[in-house]
């Protein structure tokens, strides 16, 4: 859910570093800030009785999920608003032990070993 909020803000384009359009205003007529997005996300998490997740952590999780599911590096970088795909992968993508296990199993299969033979 929180990742969706980040994705939604990023798709709308906008102000550097915020993903929000400068013209977007809250109900009081004040410009929206990342604080408003954060407070809305936390409020929604409480309402849905979800564990509190910081938006920046959700950003890392979202980019990792996309990367391990085959989204090209240049797309990840563009999604994150980065010019350098290497930076995005190095800083934001964190494969889990399960991701590494899947890669190991895939390599074992490509080399023509059965699971017991490779060990």
Foldseek 3Di string as FASTA:
>chain_A
DLLVLLLVLLVVPDDPPFSHHQCDADPVRHGDGNVNSQVVVQVVCVVVVHDDDGSVLSLLVVLQVCVLVPDDLVVSCVSVVHPDSVCCCVPRHDDDPVSVVVVVCVVCVVVPHDPVVVD
